[in-house]
């Protein structure tokens, strides 16, 4: 683990009437670059990538590449540890 990680929190503003339960999904669709899916399967991440057209990144161990690309037809990249 890295002992000294510099981080800062950015307040995210939105001018839409988005219900609290949907804020995570809303912010995923508003990404500037890519969506990182850290868990094995996240319909929020996958759907946000499909709707926004942004590339989704995931770890090699967490996905079956062939099944994943066939089902979702997304722009994706596999991250290798």
C-alpha atoms as a PDB file:
ATOM      1  CA  UNK A   1       0.000   0.000   0.000  1.00  0.00           C
ATOM      2  CA  UNK A   2       1.110   3.545  -0.669  1.00  0.00           C
ATOM      3  CA  UNK A   3       1.661   5.315   2.686  1.00  0.00           C
ATOM      4  CA  UNK A   4       1.153   8.907   1.525  1.00  0.00           C
ATOM      5  CA  UNK A   5      -1.726   9.415  -0.804  1.00  0.00           C
ATOM      6  CA  UNK A   6      -2.669  12.979  -1.537  1.00  0.00           C
ATOM      7  CA  UNK A   7      -6.354  13.366  -2.113  1.00  0.00           C
ATOM      8  CA  UNK A   8      -8.860  16.129  -2.222  1.00  0.00           C
ATOM      9  CA  UNK A   9     -12.618  16.056  -2.316  1.00  0.00           C
ATOM     10  CA  UNK A  10     -14.464  17.921  -4.989  1.00  0.00           C
ATOM     11  CA  UNK A  11     -18.011  19.037  -4.436  1.00  0.00           C
ATOM     12  CA  UNK A  12     -20.087  17.933  -7.386  1.00  0.00           C
ATOM     13  CA  UNK A  13     -22.815  20.311  -8.414  1.00  0.00           C
ATOM     14  CA  UNK A  14     -25.765  19.510 -10.571  1.00  0.00           C
ATOM     15  CA  UNK A  15     -28.686  21.589 -11.721  1.00  0.00           C
ATOM     16  CA  UNK A  16     -31.067  18.717 -12.275  1.00  0.00           C
ATOM     17  CA  UNK A  17     -33.786  17.426 -10.060  1.00  0.00           C
ATOM     18  CA  UNK A  18     -32.109  14.048  -9.565  1.00  0.00           C
ATOM     19  CA  UNK A  19     -33.472  11.883  -6.741  1.00  0.00           C
ATOM     20  CA  UNK A  20     -30.861  11.025  -4.130  1.00  0.00           C
ATOM     21  CA  UNK A  21     -31.063   7.306  -4.961  1.00  0.00           C
ATOM     22  CA  UNK A  22     -29.922   7.992  -8.548  1.00  0.00           C
ATOM     23  CA  UNK A  23     -27.023  10.390  -7.916  1.00  0.00           C
ATOM     24  CA  UNK A  24     -24.311   7.723  -8.311  1.00  0.00           C
ATOM     25  CA  UNK A  25     -25.743   6.681 -11.650  1.00  0.00           C
ATOM     26  CA  UNK A  26     -26.158  10.299 -12.751  1.00  0.00           C
ATOM     27  CA  UNK A  27     -22.509  11.117 -11.970  1.00  0.00           C
ATOM     28  CA  UNK A  28     -21.311   7.967 -13.762  1.00  0.00           C
ATOM     29  CA  UNK A  29     -23.070   9.121 -16.933  1.00  0.00           C
ATOM     30  CA  UNK A  30     -21.436  12.567 -16.649  1.00  0.00           C
ATOM     31  CA  UNK A  31     -17.830  11.345 -16.570  1.00  0.00           C
ATOM     32  CA  UNK A  32     -15.312  13.203 -18.738  1.00  0.00           C
ATOM     33  CA  UNK A  33     -13.099  10.235 -19.580  1.00  0.00           C
ATOM     34  CA  UNK A  34     -13.703   6.626 -18.470  1.00  0.00           C
ATOM     35  CA  UNK A  35     -15.703   4.582 -16.005  1.00  0.00           C
ATOM     36  CA  UNK A  36     -13.764   2.226 -13.735  1.00  0.00           C
ATOM     37  CA  UNK A  37     -15.720  -0.843 -12.667  1.00  0.00           C
ATOM     38  CA  UNK A  38     -13.961  -2.199  -9.586  1.00  0.00           C
ATOM     39  CA  UNK A  39     -16.429  -4.903  -8.674  1.00  0.00           C
ATOM     40  CA  UNK A  40     -17.205  -8.017 -10.667  1.00  0.00           C
ATOM     41  CA  UNK A  41     -20.512  -6.732 -12.002  1.00  0.00           C
ATOM     42  CA  UNK A  42     -22.209  -3.350 -11.703  1.00  0.00           C
ATOM     43  CA  UNK A  43     -25.306  -2.595 -13.742  1.00  0.00           C
ATOM     44  CA  UNK A  44     -24.920   1.107 -12.823  1.00  0.00           C
ATOM     45  CA  UNK A  45     -21.402   1.198 -14.313  1.00  0.00           C
ATOM     46  CA  UNK A  46     -22.277  -0.889 -17.360  1.00  0.00           C
ATOM     47  CA  UNK A  47     -25.478   1.023 -18.114  1.00  0.00           C
ATOM     48  CA  UNK A  48     -23.779   4.400 -17.604  1.00  0.00           C
ATOM     49  CA  UNK A  49     -21.047   3.388 -20.048  1.00  0.00           C
ATOM     50  CA  UNK A  50     -23.617   2.282 -22.615  1.00  0.00           C
ATOM     51  CA  UNK A  51     -25.689   5.470 -22.248  1.00  0.00           C
ATOM     52  CA  UNK A  52     -22.776   7.924 -22.189  1.00  0.00           C
ATOM     53  CA  UNK A  53     -20.606   6.184 -24.779  1.00  0.00           C
ATOM     54  CA  UNK A  54     -17.619   6.366 -22.413  1.00  0.00           C
ATOM     55  CA  UNK A  55     -15.091   3.558 -22.188  1.00  0.00           C
ATOM     56  CA  UNK A  56     -15.457   1.222 -19.228  1.00  0.00           C
ATOM     57  CA  UNK A  57     -12.307  -0.125 -17.567  1.00  0.00           C
ATOM     58  CA  UNK A  58     -12.234  -3.344 -15.569  1.00  0.00           C
ATOM     59  CA  UNK A  59      -9.699  -5.763 -14.112  1.00  0.00           C
ATOM     60  CA  UNK A  60      -8.776  -8.922 -15.981  1.00  0.00           C
ATOM     61  CA  UNK A  61      -9.629 -11.251 -13.087  1.00  0.00           C
ATOM     62  CA  UNK A  62     -13.148  -9.924 -12.687  1.00  0.00           C
ATOM     63  CA  UNK A  63     -14.572 -10.542 -16.159  1.00  0.00           C
ATOM     64  CA  UNK A  64     -14.998 -13.205 -18.783  1.00  0.00           C
ATOM     65  CA  UNK A  65     -13.972 -11.047 -21.746  1.00  0.00           C
ATOM     66  CA  UNK A  66     -15.855 -12.962 -24.426  1.00  0.00           C
ATOM     67  CA  UNK A  67     -19.136 -13.090 -22.520  1.00  0.00           C
ATOM     68  CA  UNK A  68     -18.814  -9.472 -21.427  1.00  0.00           C
ATOM     69  CA  UNK A  69     -18.311  -8.058 -24.928  1.00  0.00           C
ATOM     70  CA  UNK A  70     -21.060 -10.202 -26.420  1.00  0.00           C
ATOM     71  CA  UNK A  71     -23.694  -9.201 -23.873  1.00  0.00           C
ATOM     72  CA  UNK A  72     -23.028  -5.498 -23.474  1.00  0.00           C
ATOM     73  CA  UNK A  73     -21.349  -4.400 -26.722  1.00  0.00           C
ATOM     74  CA  UNK A  74     -19.388  -1.655 -24.947  1.00  0.00           C
ATOM     75  CA  UNK A  75     -16.201   0.231 -25.579  1.00  0.00           C
ATOM     76  CA  UNK A  76     -13.992  -1.315 -22.905  1.00  0.00           C
ATOM     77  CA  UNK A  77     -10.426  -1.859 -21.800  1.00  0.00           C
ATOM     78  CA  UNK A  78      -9.021  -4.627 -19.632  1.00  0.00           C
ATOM     79  CA  UNK A  79      -6.617  -3.524 -16.929  1.00  0.00           C
ATOM     80  CA  UNK A  80      -3.902  -6.012 -16.105  1.00  0.00           C
ATOM     81  CA  UNK A  81      -2.409  -5.924 -12.627  1.00  0.00           C
END
